[in-house]
Amino acid sequence: MLSIICQKNGKKSGSNLFYKSPFRNEKTASFCVNNQKGFHDYGDGWHGDIISFVQELYHISPIDAAKTLIQDFSLPIKIEQKTDYKQIKTQRQKNLLNKKVREALDNWFNNTFIKLCDSNKMNRICIDTLSNNIKNITDFENDGLTNALQYLYNNQTAINLWIDEFINATTEDEKIKLFRHRKEIEKICQ
């Protein structure tokens, strides 16, 4: 856009165009324009973006420079609206709160997933230990190991289901759905 504003034939050097400075008379082009980076005037060391260029060229404020660019290039931006600073402040506070909520959700999600994995590992160790201690069917019935093993197998099934849910939760909405079941999930992790 800066190269369009300068409207002189510039000398190309890589992705840069060099022009004679529009701010002073010079014989050698020392005003470098890069449409991605802005401009740099090697004659006086001044550099900036398109807003500061237009501001200096027309001796206007930055907001008026932006309005000039919007009008001159027919950009699809409404400039008649007044700025509602209270609304901007409220939106910034809301964005900050949303960021903190997202961070808290991610923290809960990651910590709970780790707890589920730890519970899974511990539950498997308990199942293996009890299974190895059962020597015959009478030990199984007499020692009350039936209830213990049944509880551990049920718990293992629930843990595996929740781990699958955590693995498949890729969006924020899916994480929120899991968070709504946090009491049930955290009970299994105890």
N, C-alpha and C. Protein backbone atom coordinates (compact mmCIF):
# COMPACT_ATOMS: atom_id res chain seq x y z
N MET A 1 0.83 -1.18 0.00
CA MET A 1 0.00 0.00 0.00
C MET A 1 0.88 1.25 0.00
N LEU A 2 2.01 1.19 0.71
CA LEU A 2 2.91 2.34 0.71
C LEU A 2 3.45 2.63 -0.68
N SER A 3 3.75 1.57 -1.42
CA SER A 3 4.28 1.77 -2.77
C SER A 3 3.24 2.45 -3.67
N ILE A 4 1.96 2.19 -3.41
CA ILE A 4 0.90 2.84 -4.17
C ILE A 4 0.83 4.33 -3.82
N ILE A 5 1.01 4.64 -2.54
CA ILE A 5 0.94 6.03 -2.09
C ILE A 5 2.10 6.85 -2.65
N CYS A 6 3.29 6.24 -2.69
CA CYS A 6 4.45 6.98 -3.18
C CYS A 6 4.29 7.35 -4.66
N GLN A 7 3.63 6.52 -5.45
CA GLN A 7 3.27 6.76 -6.85
C GLN A 7 4.44 7.20 -7.72
N LYS A 8 5.63 6.83 -7.40
CA LYS A 8 6.78 7.12 -8.25
C LYS A 8 7.35 5.77 -8.64
N ASN A 9 8.07 5.75 -9.71
CA ASN A 9 8.73 4.51 -10.10
C ASN A 9 9.87 4.24 -9.12
N GLY A 10 9.72 3.18 -8.37
CA GLY A 10 10.74 2.82 -7.40
C GLY A 10 11.73 1.84 -7.98
N LYS A 11 12.92 1.82 -7.41
CA LYS A 11 13.93 0.86 -7.81
C LYS A 11 13.79 -0.36 -6.91
N LYS A 12 13.61 -1.51 -7.54
CA LYS A 12 13.36 -2.75 -6.79
C LYS A 12 14.69 -3.35 -6.35
N SER A 13 14.70 -3.79 -5.09
CA SER A 13 15.85 -4.50 -4.54
C SER A 13 15.31 -5.58 -3.61
N GLY A 14 15.20 -6.79 -4.12
CA GLY A 14 14.59 -7.88 -3.34
C GLY A 14 13.10 -7.59 -3.17
N SER A 15 12.63 -7.58 -1.92
CA SER A 15 11.23 -7.27 -1.66
C SER A 15 11.04 -5.79 -1.32
N ASN A 16 12.10 -5.00 -1.45
CA ASN A 16 12.06 -3.57 -1.13
C ASN A 16 11.99 -2.74 -2.41
N LEU A 17 11.36 -1.58 -2.28
CA LEU A 17 11.34 -0.58 -3.34
C LEU A 17 11.96 0.69 -2.78
N PHE A 18 12.85 1.31 -3.53
CA PHE A 18 13.50 2.54 -3.09
C PHE A 18 12.97 3.71 -3.91
N TYR A 19 12.62 4.79 -3.17
CA TYR A 19 12.09 6.01 -3.78
C TYR A 19 12.89 7.19 -3.28
N LYS A 20 12.74 8.30 -4.00
CA LYS A 20 13.25 9.55 -3.44
C LYS A 20 12.27 9.96 -2.35
N SER A 21 12.79 10.47 -1.26
CA SER A 21 11.96 10.77 -0.11
C SER A 21 10.90 11.82 -0.44
N PRO A 22 9.65 11.58 -0.05
CA PRO A 22 8.60 12.58 -0.27
C PRO A 22 8.69 13.73 0.75
N PHE A 23 9.62 13.64 1.70
CA PHE A 23 9.70 14.63 2.77
C PHE A 23 10.84 15.63 2.57
N ARG A 24 11.69 15.42 1.56
CA ARG A 24 12.79 16.35 1.30
C ARG A 24 13.26 16.13 -0.14
N ASN A 25 14.03 17.07 -0.63
CA ASN A 25 14.61 16.93 -1.98
C ASN A 25 15.89 16.12 -1.86
N GLU A 26 16.02 15.12 -2.72
CA GLU A 26 17.25 14.34 -2.73
C GLU A 26 17.51 13.83 -4.14
N LYS A 27 18.78 13.56 -4.42
CA LYS A 27 19.17 13.10 -5.75
C LYS A 27 19.11 11.58 -5.84
N THR A 28 19.45 10.90 -4.75
CA THR A 28 19.50 9.43 -4.73
C THR A 28 18.36 8.91 -3.88
N ALA A 29 17.69 7.91 -4.37
CA ALA A 29 16.55 7.32 -3.64
C ALA A 29 17.05 6.66 -2.35
N SER A 30 16.56 7.16 -1.21
CA SER A 30 16.97 6.60 0.08
C SER A 30 15.75 6.22 0.94
N PHE A 31 14.58 6.30 0.35
CA PHE A 31 13.34 5.99 1.07
C PHE A 31 12.93 4.57 0.68
N CYS A 32 13.11 3.63 1.60
CA CYS A 32 12.87 2.21 1.34
C CYS A 32 11.47 1.83 1.80
N VAL A 33 10.73 1.19 0.90
CA VAL A 33 9.37 0.74 1.22
C VAL A 33 9.31 -0.78 1.09
N ASN A 34 8.78 -1.41 2.12
CA ASN A 34 8.54 -2.85 2.11
C ASN A 34 7.10 -3.03 2.55
N ASN A 35 6.24 -3.54 1.67
CA ASN A 35 4.81 -3.63 1.97
C ASN A 35 4.51 -4.52 3.17
N GLN A 36 5.44 -5.37 3.57
CA GLN A 36 5.21 -6.22 4.73
C GLN A 36 5.71 -5.55 6.02
N LYS A 37 6.83 -4.81 5.91
CA LYS A 37 7.48 -4.27 7.10
C LYS A 37 7.24 -2.78 7.32
N GLY A 38 6.82 -2.06 6.31
CA GLY A 38 6.65 -0.62 6.44
C GLY A 38 7.71 0.11 5.63
N PHE A 39 8.22 1.22 6.17
CA PHE A 39 9.21 2.00 5.44
C PHE A 39 10.38 2.35 6.35
N HIS A 40 11.48 2.70 5.70
CA HIS A 40 12.65 3.21 6.42
C HIS A 40 13.28 4.29 5.54
N ASP A 41 13.46 5.46 6.11
CA ASP A 41 14.09 6.56 5.39
C ASP A 41 15.55 6.59 5.80
N TYR A 42 16.43 6.12 4.92
CA TYR A 42 17.86 6.05 5.23
C TYR A 42 18.48 7.44 5.29
N GLY A 43 17.82 8.43 4.73
CA GLY A 43 18.34 9.79 4.77
C GLY A 43 18.35 10.38 6.17
N ASP A 44 17.33 10.09 6.97
CA ASP A 44 17.30 10.62 8.34
C ASP A 44 17.07 9.54 9.40
N GLY A 45 17.01 8.25 8.99
CA GLY A 45 16.89 7.15 9.96
C GLY A 45 15.48 6.93 10.48
N TRP A 46 14.51 7.59 9.91
CA TRP A 46 13.13 7.48 10.38
C TRP A 46 12.46 6.28 9.73
N HIS A 47 11.68 5.55 10.50
CA HIS A 47 10.95 4.42 9.96
C HIS A 47 9.58 4.31 10.64
N GLY A 48 8.69 3.57 10.00
CA GLY A 48 7.36 3.41 10.57
C GLY A 48 6.46 2.60 9.67
N ASP A 49 5.17 2.71 9.96
CA ASP A 49 4.18 1.97 9.17
C ASP A 49 3.39 2.96 8.31
N ILE A 50 2.37 2.45 7.65
CA ILE A 50 1.61 3.28 6.72
C ILE A 50 0.86 4.42 7.43
N ILE A 51 0.43 4.16 8.66
CA ILE A 51 -0.28 5.22 9.42
C ILE A 51 0.66 6.38 9.70
N SER A 52 1.87 6.06 10.19
CA SER A 52 2.82 7.14 10.50
C SER A 52 3.27 7.86 9.23
N PHE A 53 3.34 7.14 8.10
CA PHE A 53 3.69 7.76 6.83
C PHE A 53 2.64 8.80 6.43
N VAL A 54 1.38 8.40 6.42
CA VAL A 54 0.29 9.31 6.04
C VAL A 54 0.18 10.46 7.03
N GLN A 55 0.37 10.15 8.29
CA GLN A 55 0.33 11.18 9.34
C GLN A 55 1.38 12.26 9.06
N GLU A 56 2.60 11.86 8.75
CA GLU A 56 3.68 12.81 8.48
C GLU A 56 3.47 13.51 7.14
N LEU A 57 3.00 12.78 6.14
CA LEU A 57 2.81 13.34 4.80
C LEU A 57 1.79 14.48 4.81
N TYR A 58 0.69 14.30 5.54
CA TYR A 58 -0.39 15.30 5.56
C TYR A 58 -0.44 16.12 6.85
N HIS A 59 0.47 15.84 7.77
CA HIS A 59 0.52 16.55 9.06
C HIS A 59 -0.82 16.45 9.79
N ILE A 60 -1.27 15.22 9.99
CA ILE A 60 -2.54 14.96 10.66
C ILE A 60 -2.31 13.96 11.80
N SER A 61 -3.34 13.77 12.61
CA SER A 61 -3.25 12.83 13.74
C SER A 61 -3.29 11.38 13.23
N PRO A 62 -2.85 10.44 14.06
CA PRO A 62 -2.89 9.03 13.63
C PRO A 62 -4.30 8.55 13.27
N ILE A 63 -5.31 8.98 14.03
CA ILE A 63 -6.68 8.54 13.74
C ILE A 63 -7.15 9.13 12.41
N ASP A 64 -6.78 10.39 12.14
CA ASP A 64 -7.14 11.00 10.86
C ASP A 64 -6.39 10.34 9.71
N ALA A 65 -5.16 9.91 9.96
CA ALA A 65 -4.40 9.19 8.94
C ALA A 65 -5.09 7.87 8.61
N ALA A 66 -5.56 7.18 9.65
CA ALA A 66 -6.28 5.92 9.42
C ALA A 66 -7.57 6.17 8.64
N LYS A 67 -8.30 7.23 9.00
CA LYS A 67 -9.54 7.57 8.29
C LYS A 67 -9.25 7.91 6.83
N THR A 68 -8.15 8.61 6.58
CA THR A 68 -7.77 8.97 5.22
C THR A 68 -7.51 7.72 4.39
N LEU A 69 -6.78 6.78 4.96
CA LEU A 69 -6.50 5.54 4.25
C LEU A 69 -7.78 4.76 3.96
N ILE A 70 -8.67 4.71 4.95
CA ILE A 70 -9.94 4.00 4.78
C ILE A 70 -10.74 4.61 3.63
N GLN A 71 -10.80 5.92 3.59
CA GLN A 71 -11.55 6.59 2.55
C GLN A 71 -10.87 6.48 1.19
N ASP A 72 -9.57 6.75 1.15
CA ASP A 72 -8.85 6.78 -0.14
C ASP A 72 -8.81 5.41 -0.81
N PHE A 73 -8.75 4.34 -0.03
CA PHE A 73 -8.66 3.00 -0.59
C PHE A 73 -9.99 2.24 -0.51
N SER A 74 -11.05 2.94 -0.14
CA SER A 74 -12.39 2.35 -0.05
C SER A 74 -12.38 1.04 0.75
N LEU A 75 -11.75 1.08 1.90
CA LEU A 75 -11.68 -0.11 2.75
C LEU A 75 -13.04 -0.33 3.43
N PRO A 76 -13.45 -1.58 3.61
CA PRO A 76 -14.78 -1.85 4.18
C PRO A 76 -14.79 -1.70 5.71
N ILE A 77 -14.46 -0.50 6.16
CA ILE A 77 -14.44 -0.22 7.60
C ILE A 77 -15.31 1.01 7.85
N LYS A 78 -16.22 0.89 8.81
CA LYS A 78 -17.08 2.03 9.13
C LYS A 78 -16.30 2.99 10.02
N ILE A 79 -16.29 4.27 9.63
CA ILE A 79 -15.56 5.25 10.42
C ILE A 79 -16.47 6.28 11.08
N GLU A 80 -17.76 6.18 10.82
CA GLU A 80 -18.68 7.13 11.41
C GLU A 80 -19.00 6.80 12.88
N GLN A 81 -18.73 5.57 13.27
CA GLN A 81 -19.08 5.16 14.63
C GLN A 81 -18.14 5.80 15.63
N LYS A 82 -18.74 6.22 16.75
CA LYS A 82 -17.93 6.76 17.84
C LYS A 82 -17.40 5.59 18.65
N THR A 83 -16.24 5.81 19.22
CA THR A 83 -15.63 4.76 20.03
C THR A 83 -16.25 4.77 21.42
N ASP A 84 -16.74 3.63 21.84
CA ASP A 84 -17.32 3.49 23.17
C ASP A 84 -16.25 2.87 24.07
N TYR A 85 -15.53 3.73 24.79
CA TYR A 85 -14.41 3.26 25.60
C TYR A 85 -14.86 2.38 26.77
N LYS A 86 -16.06 2.63 27.28
CA LYS A 86 -16.59 1.76 28.34
C LYS A 86 -16.81 0.35 27.79
N GLN A 87 -17.34 0.27 26.58
CA GLN A 87 -17.57 -1.03 25.96
C GLN A 87 -16.24 -1.74 25.69
N ILE A 88 -15.24 -0.99 25.24
CA ILE A 88 -13.92 -1.57 24.99
C ILE A 88 -13.32 -2.10 26.29
N LYS A 89 -13.43 -1.32 27.36
CA LYS A 89 -12.91 -1.74 28.67
C LYS A 89 -13.63 -2.99 29.15
N THR A 90 -14.95 -3.00 29.01
CA THR A 90 -15.75 -4.16 29.41
C THR A 90 -15.35 -5.39 28.61
N GLN A 91 -15.15 -5.21 27.30
CA GLN A 91 -14.75 -6.32 26.44
C GLN A 91 -13.37 -6.84 26.83
N ARG A 92 -12.44 -5.94 27.14
CA ARG A 92 -11.10 -6.36 27.58
C ARG A 92 -11.17 -7.16 28.88
N GLN A 93 -12.00 -6.69 29.82
CA GLN A 93 -12.14 -7.41 31.08
C GLN A 93 -12.77 -8.78 30.85
N LYS A 94 -13.75 -8.83 29.95
CA LYS A 94 -14.40 -10.10 29.62
C LYS A 94 -13.40 -11.06 28.98
N ASN A 95 -12.57 -10.54 28.06
CA ASN A 95 -11.56 -11.37 27.41
C ASN A 95 -10.55 -11.90 28.43
N LEU A 96 -10.16 -11.04 29.38
CA LEU A 96 -9.23 -11.46 30.42
C LEU A 96 -9.84 -12.55 31.28
N LEU A 97 -11.12 -12.37 31.65
CA LEU A 97 -11.82 -13.37 32.45
C LEU A 97 -11.93 -14.67 31.68
N ASN A 98 -12.29 -14.59 30.38
CA ASN A 98 -12.40 -15.80 29.56
C ASN A 98 -11.05 -16.51 29.47
N LYS A 99 -9.98 -15.75 29.38
CA LYS A 99 -8.65 -16.35 29.32
C LYS A 99 -8.36 -17.10 30.63
N LYS A 100 -8.69 -16.48 31.76
CA LYS A 100 -8.45 -17.12 33.05
C LYS A 100 -9.31 -18.38 33.20
N VAL A 101 -10.55 -18.31 32.72
CA VAL A 101 -11.44 -19.48 32.79
C VAL A 101 -10.90 -20.61 31.92
N ARG A 102 -10.44 -20.27 30.70
CA ARG A 102 -9.87 -21.29 29.82
C ARG A 102 -8.63 -21.92 30.43
N GLU A 103 -7.78 -21.08 31.05
CA GLU A 103 -6.57 -21.61 31.69
C GLU A 103 -6.94 -22.53 32.84
N ALA A 104 -7.95 -22.14 33.64
CA ALA A 104 -8.38 -22.98 34.76
C ALA A 104 -8.97 -24.30 34.25
N LEU A 105 -9.74 -24.23 33.16
CA LEU A 105 -10.32 -25.44 32.58
C LEU A 105 -9.22 -26.37 32.08
N ASP A 106 -8.24 -25.81 31.37
CA ASP A 106 -7.13 -26.63 30.88
C ASP A 106 -6.34 -27.24 32.03
N ASN A 107 -6.13 -26.47 33.08
CA ASN A 107 -5.42 -26.97 34.26
C ASN A 107 -6.18 -28.13 34.89
N TRP A 108 -7.49 -27.96 35.09
CA TRP A 108 -8.30 -29.04 35.66
C TRP A 108 -8.26 -30.27 34.74
N PHE A 109 -8.44 -30.06 33.45
CA PHE A 109 -8.47 -31.15 32.48
C PHE A 109 -7.17 -31.97 32.54
N ASN A 110 -6.04 -31.29 32.49
CA ASN A 110 -4.75 -31.98 32.49
C ASN A 110 -4.50 -32.71 33.80
N ASN A 111 -4.76 -32.03 34.92
CA ASN A 111 -4.55 -32.67 36.23
C ASN A 111 -5.47 -33.87 36.44
N THR A 112 -6.71 -33.74 36.03
CA THR A 112 -7.67 -34.84 36.21
C THR A 112 -7.30 -36.02 35.31
N PHE A 113 -6.84 -35.73 34.10
CA PHE A 113 -6.43 -36.81 33.21
C PHE A 113 -5.25 -37.59 33.82
N ILE A 114 -4.31 -36.87 34.40
CA ILE A 114 -3.17 -37.51 35.06
C ILE A 114 -3.66 -38.36 36.23
N LYS A 115 -4.59 -37.84 37.01
CA LYS A 115 -5.14 -38.61 38.14
C LYS A 115 -5.85 -39.87 37.65
N LEU A 116 -6.60 -39.75 36.55
CA LEU A 116 -7.27 -40.92 35.98
C LEU A 116 -6.25 -41.99 35.56
N CYS A 117 -5.19 -41.55 34.93
CA CYS A 117 -4.15 -42.50 34.49
C CYS A 117 -3.48 -43.16 35.70
N ASP A 118 -3.23 -42.37 36.74
CA ASP A 118 -2.64 -42.94 37.96
C ASP A 118 -3.60 -43.93 38.62
N SER A 119 -4.89 -43.59 38.66
CA SER A 119 -5.89 -44.49 39.22
C SER A 119 -5.98 -45.77 38.40
N ASN A 120 -5.89 -45.64 37.10
CA ASN A 120 -5.92 -46.79 36.21
C ASN A 120 -4.76 -47.74 36.54
N LYS A 121 -3.58 -47.18 36.69
CA LYS A 121 -2.39 -47.98 36.99
C LYS A 121 -2.54 -48.67 38.34
N MET A 122 -2.96 -47.92 39.35
CA MET A 122 -3.11 -48.47 40.71
C MET A 122 -4.19 -49.55 40.74
N ASN A 123 -5.28 -49.32 40.06
CA ASN A 123 -6.38 -50.28 40.01
C ASN A 123 -5.92 -51.59 39.37
N ARG A 124 -5.15 -51.48 38.30
CA ARG A 124 -4.64 -52.69 37.64
C ARG A 124 -3.70 -53.47 38.57
N ILE A 125 -2.87 -52.75 39.32
CA ILE A 125 -1.97 -53.42 40.28
C ILE A 125 -2.78 -54.17 41.33
N CYS A 126 -3.85 -53.54 41.83
CA CYS A 126 -4.70 -54.19 42.84
C CYS A 126 -5.39 -55.43 42.27
N ILE A 127 -5.89 -55.33 41.07
CA ILE A 127 -6.55 -56.48 40.43
C ILE A 127 -5.54 -57.63 40.26
N ASP A 128 -4.35 -57.30 39.78
CA ASP A 128 -3.33 -58.33 39.59
C ASP A 128 -2.92 -58.97 40.91
N THR A 129 -2.77 -58.16 41.95
CA THR A 129 -2.37 -58.68 43.27
C THR A 129 -3.43 -59.62 43.82
N LEU A 130 -4.70 -59.20 43.77
CA LEU A 130 -5.78 -60.05 44.28
C LEU A 130 -5.90 -61.33 43.45
N SER A 131 -5.79 -61.20 42.16
CA SER A 131 -5.91 -62.38 41.29
C SER A 131 -4.80 -63.38 41.59
N ASN A 132 -3.60 -62.90 41.85
CA ASN A 132 -2.47 -63.79 42.15
C ASN A 132 -2.60 -64.45 43.52
N ASN A 133 -3.33 -63.84 44.45
CA ASN A 133 -3.48 -64.39 45.80
C ASN A 133 -4.60 -65.42 45.90
N ILE A 134 -5.42 -65.50 44.90
CA ILE A 134 -6.50 -66.49 44.92
C ILE A 134 -5.93 -67.81 44.42
N LYS A 135 -5.91 -68.81 45.31
CA LYS A 135 -5.32 -70.10 44.96
C LYS A 135 -6.36 -71.07 44.43
N ASN A 136 -7.53 -71.00 44.94
CA ASN A 136 -8.59 -71.88 44.44
C ASN A 136 -9.93 -71.21 44.67
N ILE A 137 -10.98 -71.84 44.25
CA ILE A 137 -12.33 -71.27 44.31
C ILE A 137 -12.79 -71.05 45.75
N THR A 138 -12.35 -71.87 46.69
CA THR A 138 -12.78 -71.69 48.08
C THR A 138 -12.15 -70.45 48.69
N ASP A 139 -10.91 -70.15 48.35
CA ASP A 139 -10.30 -68.90 48.84
C ASP A 139 -11.08 -67.70 48.31
N PHE A 140 -11.49 -67.82 47.09
CA PHE A 140 -12.21 -66.73 46.44
C PHE A 140 -13.54 -66.47 47.15
N GLU A 141 -14.26 -67.53 47.50
CA GLU A 141 -15.56 -67.38 48.13
C GLU A 141 -15.43 -67.06 49.61
N ASN A 142 -14.53 -67.68 50.30
CA ASN A 142 -14.44 -67.52 51.75
C ASN A 142 -13.82 -66.22 52.19
N ASP A 143 -12.87 -65.74 51.47
CA ASP A 143 -12.17 -64.54 51.91
C ASP A 143 -12.89 -63.25 51.53
N GLY A 144 -14.00 -63.35 50.89
CA GLY A 144 -14.74 -62.14 50.51
C GLY A 144 -14.06 -61.38 49.39
N LEU A 145 -13.21 -62.10 48.67
CA LEU A 145 -12.50 -61.44 47.57
C LEU A 145 -13.41 -61.16 46.38
N THR A 146 -14.55 -61.83 46.35
CA THR A 146 -15.49 -61.62 45.25
C THR A 146 -15.89 -60.16 45.15
N ASN A 147 -16.30 -59.60 46.29
CA ASN A 147 -16.75 -58.20 46.30
C ASN A 147 -15.62 -57.25 45.93
N ALA A 148 -14.43 -57.54 46.45
CA ALA A 148 -13.29 -56.67 46.18
C ALA A 148 -12.95 -56.67 44.69
N LEU A 149 -12.88 -57.87 44.12
CA LEU A 149 -12.56 -57.95 42.70
C LEU A 149 -13.66 -57.34 41.84
N GLN A 150 -14.90 -57.59 42.22
CA GLN A 150 -16.02 -57.02 41.46
C GLN A 150 -15.95 -55.49 41.48
N TYR A 151 -15.67 -54.93 42.65
CA TYR A 151 -15.54 -53.48 42.78
C TYR A 151 -14.40 -52.96 41.89
N LEU A 152 -13.25 -53.64 41.95
CA LEU A 152 -12.09 -53.21 41.16
C LEU A 152 -12.36 -53.30 39.65
N TYR A 153 -13.03 -54.38 39.22
CA TYR A 153 -13.35 -54.51 37.80
C TYR A 153 -14.33 -53.43 37.35
N ASN A 154 -15.34 -53.14 38.17
CA ASN A 154 -16.29 -52.07 37.84
C ASN A 154 -15.59 -50.71 37.78
N ASN A 155 -14.71 -50.50 38.77
CA ASN A 155 -13.96 -49.25 38.83
C ASN A 155 -13.06 -49.13 37.59
N GLN A 156 -12.45 -50.24 37.20
CA GLN A 156 -11.57 -50.24 36.03
C GLN A 156 -12.34 -49.89 34.76
N THR A 157 -13.53 -50.42 34.65
CA THR A 157 -14.38 -50.12 33.48
C THR A 157 -14.71 -48.64 33.43
N ALA A 158 -15.10 -48.08 34.57
CA ALA A 158 -15.43 -46.64 34.63
C ALA A 158 -14.21 -45.79 34.31
N ILE A 159 -13.07 -46.15 34.86
CA ILE A 159 -11.83 -45.39 34.60
C ILE A 159 -11.51 -45.42 33.11
N ASN A 160 -11.60 -46.60 32.52
CA ASN A 160 -11.30 -46.72 31.08
C ASN A 160 -12.25 -45.88 30.23
N LEU A 161 -13.52 -45.85 30.61
CA LEU A 161 -14.49 -45.03 29.86
C LEU A 161 -14.15 -43.55 29.96
N TRP A 162 -13.81 -43.08 31.17
CA TRP A 162 -13.47 -41.66 31.33
C TRP A 162 -12.16 -41.32 30.63
N ILE A 163 -11.19 -42.22 30.68
CA ILE A 163 -9.93 -41.97 29.96
C ILE A 163 -10.20 -41.83 28.47
N ASP A 164 -11.05 -42.69 27.93
CA ASP A 164 -11.42 -42.56 26.51
C ASP A 164 -12.07 -41.21 26.22
N GLU A 165 -12.94 -40.77 27.14
CA GLU A 165 -13.60 -39.46 26.96
C GLU A 165 -12.57 -38.34 26.96
N PHE A 166 -11.60 -38.41 27.87
CA PHE A 166 -10.57 -37.37 27.94
C PHE A 166 -9.71 -37.38 26.68
N ILE A 167 -9.37 -38.56 26.20
CA ILE A 167 -8.54 -38.65 24.99
C ILE A 167 -9.28 -38.07 23.78
N ASN A 168 -10.58 -38.29 23.71
CA ASN A 168 -11.37 -37.82 22.57
C ASN A 168 -11.82 -36.37 22.69
N ALA A 169 -11.63 -35.76 23.85
CA ALA A 169 -12.03 -34.36 24.05
C ALA A 169 -10.98 -33.44 23.43
N THR A 170 -11.29 -32.90 22.27
CA THR A 170 -10.34 -32.04 21.58
C THR A 170 -10.76 -30.58 21.57
N THR A 171 -12.04 -30.32 21.74
CA THR A 171 -12.51 -28.93 21.71
C THR A 171 -12.80 -28.45 23.13
N GLU A 172 -12.90 -27.15 23.25
CA GLU A 172 -13.21 -26.55 24.54
C GLU A 172 -14.59 -26.98 25.04
N ASP A 173 -15.56 -27.09 24.14
CA ASP A 173 -16.91 -27.52 24.52
C ASP A 173 -16.90 -28.94 25.09
N GLU A 174 -16.11 -29.82 24.48
CA GLU A 174 -16.02 -31.19 24.98
C GLU A 174 -15.37 -31.24 26.36
N LYS A 175 -14.38 -30.36 26.59
CA LYS A 175 -13.74 -30.28 27.90
C LYS A 175 -14.72 -29.76 28.94
N ILE A 176 -15.56 -28.82 28.54
CA ILE A 176 -16.57 -28.27 29.46
C ILE A 176 -17.58 -29.35 29.83
N LYS A 177 -17.97 -30.19 28.87
CA LYS A 177 -18.89 -31.29 29.17
C LYS A 177 -18.28 -32.23 30.21
N LEU A 178 -16.99 -32.51 30.07
CA LEU A 178 -16.32 -33.35 31.06
C LEU A 178 -16.27 -32.66 32.41
N PHE A 179 -16.03 -31.36 32.40
CA PHE A 179 -15.96 -30.60 33.65
C PHE A 179 -17.29 -30.66 34.40
N ARG A 180 -18.38 -30.72 33.67
CA ARG A 180 -19.71 -30.81 34.30
C ARG A 180 -19.88 -32.12 35.05
N HIS A 181 -19.08 -33.15 34.71
CA HIS A 181 -19.12 -34.44 35.38
C HIS A 181 -17.95 -34.59 36.36
N ARG A 182 -17.36 -33.47 36.77
CA ARG A 182 -16.14 -33.51 37.58
C ARG A 182 -16.30 -34.26 38.89
N LYS A 183 -17.46 -34.15 39.56
CA LYS A 183 -17.65 -34.85 40.84
C LYS A 183 -17.59 -36.36 40.64
N GLU A 184 -18.24 -36.83 39.61
CA GLU A 184 -18.24 -38.25 39.30
C GLU A 184 -16.84 -38.74 38.92
N ILE A 185 -16.15 -37.94 38.12
CA ILE A 185 -14.81 -38.30 37.68
C ILE A 185 -13.83 -38.29 38.85
N GLU A 186 -13.89 -37.24 39.65
CA GLU A 186 -12.95 -37.10 40.76
C GLU A 186 -13.21 -38.16 41.83
N LYS A 187 -14.44 -38.64 41.95
CA LYS A 187 -14.75 -39.71 42.91
C LYS A 187 -14.01 -40.99 42.51
N ILE A 188 -13.94 -41.25 41.21
CA ILE A 188 -13.22 -42.44 40.74
C ILE A 188 -11.73 -42.31 40.97
N CYS A 189 -11.21 -41.09 40.92
CA CYS A 189 -9.77 -40.86 41.06
C CYS A 189 -9.30 -40.97 42.51
N GLN A 190 -10.20 -41.01 43.46
CA GLN A 190 -9.78 -41.03 44.87
C GLN A 190 -9.18 -42.33 45.28
